[in-house]
Amino acid sequence: MADPKFEIQMLHDRVMIRLEKDGEERRSGAGIVIPATVKMANRLAWGEVCGVGANVRSVKVGDKVLLNPEDQYEVELHTKVYLVMRERDLHAVATHETDHGTGLYL
């Protein structure tokens, strides 16, 4: 008999995020190549929201969010790693339309 499959539902104000992988190397604004081995302190990362709890108000599945990937809980599902965190620990949401944004675009 096959094992039953369970759907994952996030609880309360929890958000499940899949981090966007950075490329092998980055370029500075001046065009200097920064190798992937360079560790940047306190660097925020972009991720995609894959699940939200019932009390989450500001983000929805599919949104791109800015977060600090350090000191977050990780979970591996189907060989992919996701972060589980509270909504209040997110720093920004990238959206197509906003009434009070920064004027910066991705």
Protein backbone atom coordinates (compact mmCIF):
# COMPACT_ATOMS: atom_id res chain seq x y z
CA MET A 1 0.00 0.00 0.00
CA ALA A 2 1.33 3.47 -0.89
CA ASP A 3 2.04 6.08 1.77
CA PRO A 4 -0.69 8.74 2.03
CA LYS A 5 0.15 12.24 0.79
CA PHE A 6 -0.45 15.21 3.05
CA GLU A 7 -1.01 18.81 1.99
CA ILE A 8 1.04 21.35 3.96
CA GLN A 9 -0.93 24.22 5.47
CA MET A 10 0.97 27.02 7.19
CA LEU A 11 -0.39 28.10 10.58
CA HIS A 12 -1.04 31.52 12.12
CA ASP A 13 1.33 34.19 10.73
CA ARG A 14 3.89 31.79 9.25
CA VAL A 15 5.21 32.12 5.71
CA MET A 16 7.05 29.46 3.68
CA ILE A 17 9.64 30.90 1.29
CA ARG A 18 11.85 29.42 -1.43
CA LEU A 19 15.05 31.44 -1.70
CA GLU A 20 16.19 32.62 -5.10
CA LYS A 21 19.60 31.22 -5.84
CA ASP A 22 22.26 33.80 -6.55
CA GLY A 23 24.35 33.32 -9.64
CA GLU A 24 27.83 31.94 -9.46
CA GLU A 25 29.25 35.45 -9.35
CA ARG A 26 27.98 39.00 -9.01
CA ARG A 27 29.07 42.30 -10.50
CA SER A 28 29.39 45.55 -8.61
CA GLY A 29 27.97 48.78 -10.00
CA ALA A 30 31.40 49.55 -11.44
CA GLY A 31 31.57 46.16 -13.20
CA ILE A 32 33.97 44.45 -10.80
CA VAL A 33 33.36 40.68 -10.65
CA ILE A 34 32.65 39.40 -7.13
CA PRO A 35 33.16 35.61 -6.83
CA ALA A 36 30.46 33.45 -5.25
CA THR A 37 32.89 32.49 -2.46
CA VAL A 38 32.84 36.02 -1.01
CA LYS A 39 30.64 36.15 2.10
CA MET A 40 28.76 39.42 2.54
CA ALA A 41 27.82 40.24 6.14
CA ASN A 42 24.16 40.99 6.89
CA ARG A 43 23.06 40.62 3.27
CA LEU A 44 19.32 40.35 2.63
CA ALA A 45 17.99 37.95 0.01
CA TRP A 46 14.95 37.73 -2.27
CA GLY A 47 12.63 34.76 -2.14
CA GLU A 48 9.26 33.60 -3.42
CA VAL A 49 6.34 32.97 -1.08
CA CYS A 50 5.15 29.36 -1.45
CA GLY A 51 2.67 29.17 1.44
CA VAL A 52 1.00 31.48 3.97
CA GLY A 53 -0.89 30.99 7.21
CA ALA A 54 -4.44 32.18 7.86
CA ASN A 55 -3.32 35.31 9.78
CA VAL A 56 -0.89 36.60 7.14
CA ARG A 57 -2.12 39.96 5.81
CA SER A 58 0.58 41.57 3.65
CA VAL A 59 1.81 38.81 1.32
CA LYS A 60 0.29 36.06 -0.78
CA VAL A 61 1.59 32.98 -2.57
CA GLY A 62 3.76 33.98 -5.53
CA ASP A 63 4.96 37.33 -4.09
CA LYS A 64 8.67 38.18 -4.08
CA VAL A 65 9.83 39.18 -0.62
CA LEU A 66 13.03 40.55 0.88
CA LEU A 67 14.28 38.77 3.99
CA ASN A 68 17.27 37.93 6.13
CA PRO A 69 18.01 34.24 5.43
CA GLU A 70 20.21 33.85 8.52
CA ASP A 71 18.75 32.37 11.72
CA GLN A 72 15.56 31.14 10.04
CA TYR A 73 14.09 27.67 10.17
CA GLU A 74 14.72 25.49 7.13
CA VAL A 75 12.69 22.54 5.90
CA GLU A 76 13.45 20.22 2.99
CA LEU A 77 10.55 19.00 0.85
CA HIS A 78 11.05 16.98 -2.34
CA THR A 79 14.78 17.85 -2.42
CA LYS A 80 14.09 21.62 -2.23
CA VAL A 81 14.92 23.77 0.80
CA TYR A 82 12.37 26.27 2.10
CA LEU A 83 12.48 28.80 4.93
CA VAL A 84 9.67 29.06 7.47
CA MET A 85 9.37 32.42 9.23
CA ARG A 86 6.93 34.90 10.70
CA GLU A 87 5.40 37.54 8.46
CA ARG A 88 6.79 40.31 10.68
CA ASP A 89 10.36 39.18 9.85
CA LEU A 90 9.94 40.09 6.17
CA HIS A 91 11.48 43.41 5.11
CA ALA A 92 9.75 44.20 1.79
CA VAL A 93 7.38 42.86 -0.86
CA ALA A 94 7.95 43.40 -4.59
CA THR A 95 4.64 44.25 -6.23
CA HIS A 96 3.46 45.55 -9.59
CA GLU A 97 1.30 48.33 -8.17
CA THR A 98 1.49 50.22 -4.90
CA ASP A 99 0.23 53.47 -3.40
CA HIS A 100 3.20 54.07 -1.09
CA GLY A 101 6.30 52.43 -2.50
CA THR A 102 9.94 53.47 -2.66
CA GLY A 103 10.01 54.35 -6.36
CA LEU A 104 12.57 51.58 -6.94
CA TYR A 105 11.86 48.64 -9.23
CA LEU A 106 13.37 45.16 -9.69
